[in-house]
């Protein structure tokens, strides 16, 4: 059984920082890309950042220079360091992991979502 557990959300003032974590556990053979998405009220879910197994990263234009994605392969964990937060960053943040299971099935999994609220 596979599980993604996200943590680190909360309420912060504009200009502040938060660090999100998402740990994958279970019948994992290997992990490909890991990423963060967000969904604000009334809006579609959007990609925030992604990191490949080789460490290459991609960011949405709206977060470039403020957010940093990283991963710890030994812990099957992906992080999102968010600095200089703005009210428009308020959303539910979801982690997503593309992986191979020990049964050699490739699939992607979503975390449960963690709320980030930035006050002005």
C-alpha atoms as a PDB file:
ATOM      1  CA  UNK A   1       0.000   0.000   0.000  1.00  0.00           C
ATOM      2  CA  UNK A   2       1.357   3.375  -1.027  1.00  0.00           C
ATOM      3  CA  UNK A   3       0.933   6.547   0.950  1.00  0.00           C
ATOM      4  CA  UNK A   4       1.932  10.178   0.555  1.00  0.00           C
ATOM      5  CA  UNK A   5       1.841  12.324   3.658  1.00  0.00           C
ATOM      6  CA  UNK A   6       2.195  16.072   3.257  1.00  0.00           C
ATOM      7  CA  UNK A   7       2.889  18.525   6.038  1.00  0.00           C
ATOM      8  CA  UNK A   8       4.117  22.037   6.731  1.00  0.00           C
ATOM      9  CA  UNK A   9       1.240  24.235   5.673  1.00  0.00           C
ATOM     10  CA  UNK A  10      -0.154  27.009   7.811  1.00  0.00           C
ATOM     11  CA  UNK A  11      -0.933  30.685   8.155  1.00  0.00           C
ATOM     12  CA  UNK A  12       1.816  33.207   7.483  1.00  0.00           C
ATOM     13  CA  UNK A  13       2.025  36.936   6.833  1.00  0.00           C
ATOM     14  CA  UNK A  14       2.998  38.270   3.444  1.00  0.00           C
ATOM     15  CA  UNK A  15       6.761  38.188   3.058  1.00  0.00           C
ATOM     16  CA  UNK A  16       7.086  35.190   5.325  1.00  0.00           C
ATOM     17  CA  UNK A  17       8.276  31.653   4.649  1.00  0.00           C
ATOM     18  CA  UNK A  18       6.988  28.117   4.919  1.00  0.00           C
ATOM     19  CA  UNK A  19       8.482  24.734   4.135  1.00  0.00           C
ATOM     20  CA  UNK A  20       6.309  21.912   2.878  1.00  0.00           C
ATOM     21  CA  UNK A  21       7.297  18.256   3.065  1.00  0.00           C
ATOM     22  CA  UNK A  22       5.813  15.185   1.442  1.00  0.00           C
ATOM     23  CA  UNK A  23       6.980  11.685   2.299  1.00  0.00           C
ATOM     24  CA  UNK A  24       6.169   8.623   0.222  1.00  0.00           C
ATOM     25  CA  UNK A  25       6.046   5.194   1.799  1.00  0.00           C
ATOM     26  CA  UNK A  26       4.971   1.671   0.934  1.00  0.00           C
ATOM     27  CA  UNK A  27       5.714  -0.670  -1.916  1.00  0.00           C
ATOM     28  CA  UNK A  28       8.037   1.639  -3.831  1.00  0.00           C
ATOM     29  CA  UNK A  29      10.621   0.355  -6.272  1.00  0.00           C
ATOM     30  CA  UNK A  30      11.823   3.712  -7.561  1.00  0.00           C
ATOM     31  CA  UNK A  31      10.627   7.287  -7.819  1.00  0.00           C
ATOM     32  CA  UNK A  32      10.746   9.362 -10.982  1.00  0.00           C
ATOM     33  CA  UNK A  33       9.530  12.946 -10.810  1.00  0.00           C
ATOM     34  CA  UNK A  34       8.186  14.567  -7.650  1.00  0.00           C
ATOM     35  CA  UNK A  35       6.202  17.754  -7.708  1.00  0.00           C
ATOM     36  CA  UNK A  36       3.983  20.250  -6.015  1.00  0.00           C
ATOM     37  CA  UNK A  37       0.680  21.576  -7.311  1.00  0.00           C
ATOM     38  CA  UNK A  38      -1.746  24.038  -5.806  1.00  0.00           C
ATOM     39  CA  UNK A  39      -5.409  24.852  -6.087  1.00  0.00           C
ATOM     40  CA  UNK A  40      -6.906  28.125  -4.987  1.00  0.00           C
ATOM     41  CA  UNK A  41     -10.666  28.502  -4.397  1.00  0.00           C
ATOM     42  CA  UNK A  42     -12.526  28.687  -7.675  1.00  0.00           C
ATOM     43  CA  UNK A  43      -9.421  27.941  -9.720  1.00  0.00           C
ATOM     44  CA  UNK A  44      -7.966  24.920 -11.432  1.00  0.00           C
ATOM     45  CA  UNK A  45      -5.110  22.974  -9.933  1.00  0.00           C
ATOM     46  CA  UNK A  46      -1.805  24.262 -11.285  1.00  0.00           C
ATOM     47  CA  UNK A  47       1.770  23.073 -11.301  1.00  0.00           C
ATOM     48  CA  UNK A  48       4.037  24.904  -8.868  1.00  0.00           C
ATOM     49  CA  UNK A  49       7.321  23.028  -9.209  1.00  0.00           C
ATOM     50  CA  UNK A  50       8.680  19.649 -10.228  1.00  0.00           C
ATOM     51  CA  UNK A  51      11.986  17.871  -9.715  1.00  0.00           C
ATOM     52  CA  UNK A  52      13.160  14.877 -11.730  1.00  0.00           C
ATOM     53  CA  UNK A  53      15.043  11.864 -10.463  1.00  0.00           C
ATOM     54  CA  UNK A  54      18.188  13.472 -11.811  1.00  0.00           C
ATOM     55  CA  UNK A  55      17.595  16.681  -9.915  1.00  0.00           C
ATOM     56  CA  UNK A  56      16.420  18.904 -12.750  1.00  0.00           C
ATOM     57  CA  UNK A  57      13.805  21.405 -11.673  1.00  0.00           C
ATOM     58  CA  UNK A  58      11.017  23.379 -13.293  1.00  0.00           C
ATOM     59  CA  UNK A  59       8.985  26.173 -11.736  1.00  0.00           C
ATOM     60  CA  UNK A  60       5.861  28.078 -12.577  1.00  0.00           C
ATOM     61  CA  UNK A  61       6.717  31.629 -13.584  1.00  0.00           C
ATOM     62  CA  UNK A  62       4.728  32.971 -10.647  1.00  0.00           C
ATOM     63  CA  UNK A  63       7.040  31.332  -8.092  1.00  0.00           C
ATOM     64  CA  UNK A  64      10.443  31.525  -9.778  1.00  0.00           C
ATOM     65  CA  UNK A  65      13.038  33.063  -7.514  1.00  0.00           C
ATOM     66  CA  UNK A  66      10.855  32.626  -4.422  1.00  0.00           C
ATOM     67  CA  UNK A  67      10.224  28.866  -4.160  1.00  0.00           C
ATOM     68  CA  UNK A  68      12.759  26.047  -4.159  1.00  0.00           C
ATOM     69  CA  UNK A  69      11.940  22.387  -4.667  1.00  0.00           C
ATOM     70  CA  UNK A  70      14.286  19.680  -3.443  1.00  0.00           C
ATOM     71  CA  UNK A  71      14.187  15.978  -2.672  1.00  0.00           C
ATOM     72  CA  UNK A  72      15.829  13.461  -0.363  1.00  0.00           C
ATOM     73  CA  UNK A  73      15.914  10.170  -2.232  1.00  0.00           C
ATOM     74  CA  UNK A  74      16.945   8.203   0.845  1.00  0.00           C
ATOM     75  CA  UNK A  75      13.770   9.356   2.594  1.00  0.00           C
ATOM     76  CA  UNK A  76      11.503   9.348  -0.485  1.00  0.00           C
ATOM     77  CA  UNK A  77      10.638  12.911   0.446  1.00  0.00           C
ATOM     78  CA  UNK A  78      10.108  16.071  -1.555  1.00  0.00           C
ATOM     79  CA  UNK A  79      10.278  19.569  -0.077  1.00  0.00           C
ATOM     80  CA  UNK A  80       9.057  22.972  -1.142  1.00  0.00           C
ATOM     81  CA  UNK A  81      10.738  25.955   0.470  1.00  0.00           C
ATOM     82  CA  UNK A  82       8.511  28.976  -0.013  1.00  0.00           C
ATOM     83  CA  UNK A  83       9.959  32.433   0.652  1.00  0.00           C
ATOM     84  CA  UNK A  84       8.616  35.936   0.108  1.00  0.00           C
ATOM     85  CA  UNK A  85       5.098  34.572   0.215  1.00  0.00           C
ATOM     86  CA  UNK A  86       2.295  36.635  -1.281  1.00  0.00           C
ATOM     87  CA  UNK A  87      -1.464  36.552  -0.627  1.00  0.00           C
ATOM     88  CA  UNK A  88      -1.924  35.099  -4.110  1.00  0.00           C
ATOM     89  CA  UNK A  89       0.050  32.031  -3.002  1.00  0.00           C
ATOM     90  CA  UNK A  90      -2.886  31.087  -0.775  1.00  0.00           C
ATOM     91  CA  UNK A  91      -4.105  27.653  -1.846  1.00  0.00           C
ATOM     92  CA  UNK A  92      -4.219  23.993  -0.965  1.00  0.00           C
ATOM     93  CA  UNK A  93      -0.881  22.499  -1.939  1.00  0.00           C
ATOM     94  CA  UNK A  94      -0.698  18.915  -3.170  1.00  0.00           C
ATOM     95  CA  UNK A  95       2.353  16.751  -3.717  1.00  0.00           C
ATOM     96  CA  UNK A  96       2.496  14.374  -6.636  1.00  0.00           C
ATOM     97  CA  UNK A  97       4.885  11.490  -7.150  1.00  0.00           C
ATOM     98  CA  UNK A  98       5.514   9.491 -10.328  1.00  0.00           C
ATOM     99  CA  UNK A  99       6.908   6.121  -9.323  1.00  0.00           C
ATOM    100  CA  UNK A 100       7.388   2.450 -10.022  1.00  0.00           C
ATOM    101  CA  UNK A 101       5.948   0.021  -7.492  1.00  0.00           C
ATOM    102  CA  UNK A 102       7.689  -3.173  -6.491  1.00  0.00           C
ATOM    103  CA  UNK A 103       5.184  -4.928  -8.763  1.00  0.00           C
ATOM    104  CA  UNK A 104       6.726  -2.897 -11.621  1.00  0.00           C
ATOM    105  CA  UNK A 105       3.634  -0.829 -12.188  1.00  0.00           C
ATOM    106  CA  UNK A 106       4.176   2.823 -13.007  1.00  0.00           C
ATOM    107  CA  UNK A 107       1.676   5.274 -11.627  1.00  0.00           C
ATOM    108  CA  UNK A 108       1.387   8.653  -9.984  1.00  0.00           C
ATOM    109  CA  UNK A 109       0.050   9.359  -6.536  1.00  0.00           C
ATOM    110  CA  UNK A 110      -1.285  12.436  -4.799  1.00  0.00           C
ATOM    111  CA  UNK A 111      -0.842  13.585  -1.241  1.00  0.00           C
ATOM    112  CA  UNK A 112      -3.776  14.697   0.867  1.00  0.00           C
ATOM    113  CA  UNK A 113      -3.174  18.418   0.439  1.00  0.00           C
ATOM    114  CA  UNK A 114      -2.001  20.986   2.928  1.00  0.00           C
ATOM    115  CA  UNK A 115      -3.473  24.472   3.312  1.00  0.00           C
ATOM    116  CA  UNK A 116      -1.234  27.510   2.883  1.00  0.00           C
ATOM    117  CA  UNK A 117      -2.769  30.855   3.789  1.00  0.00           C
ATOM    118  CA  UNK A 118      -0.878  34.115   3.324  1.00  0.00           C
ATOM    119  CA  UNK A 119      -2.358  37.182   4.973  1.00  0.00           C
ATOM    120  CA  UNK A 120      -1.743  40.690   3.681  1.00  0.00           C
END
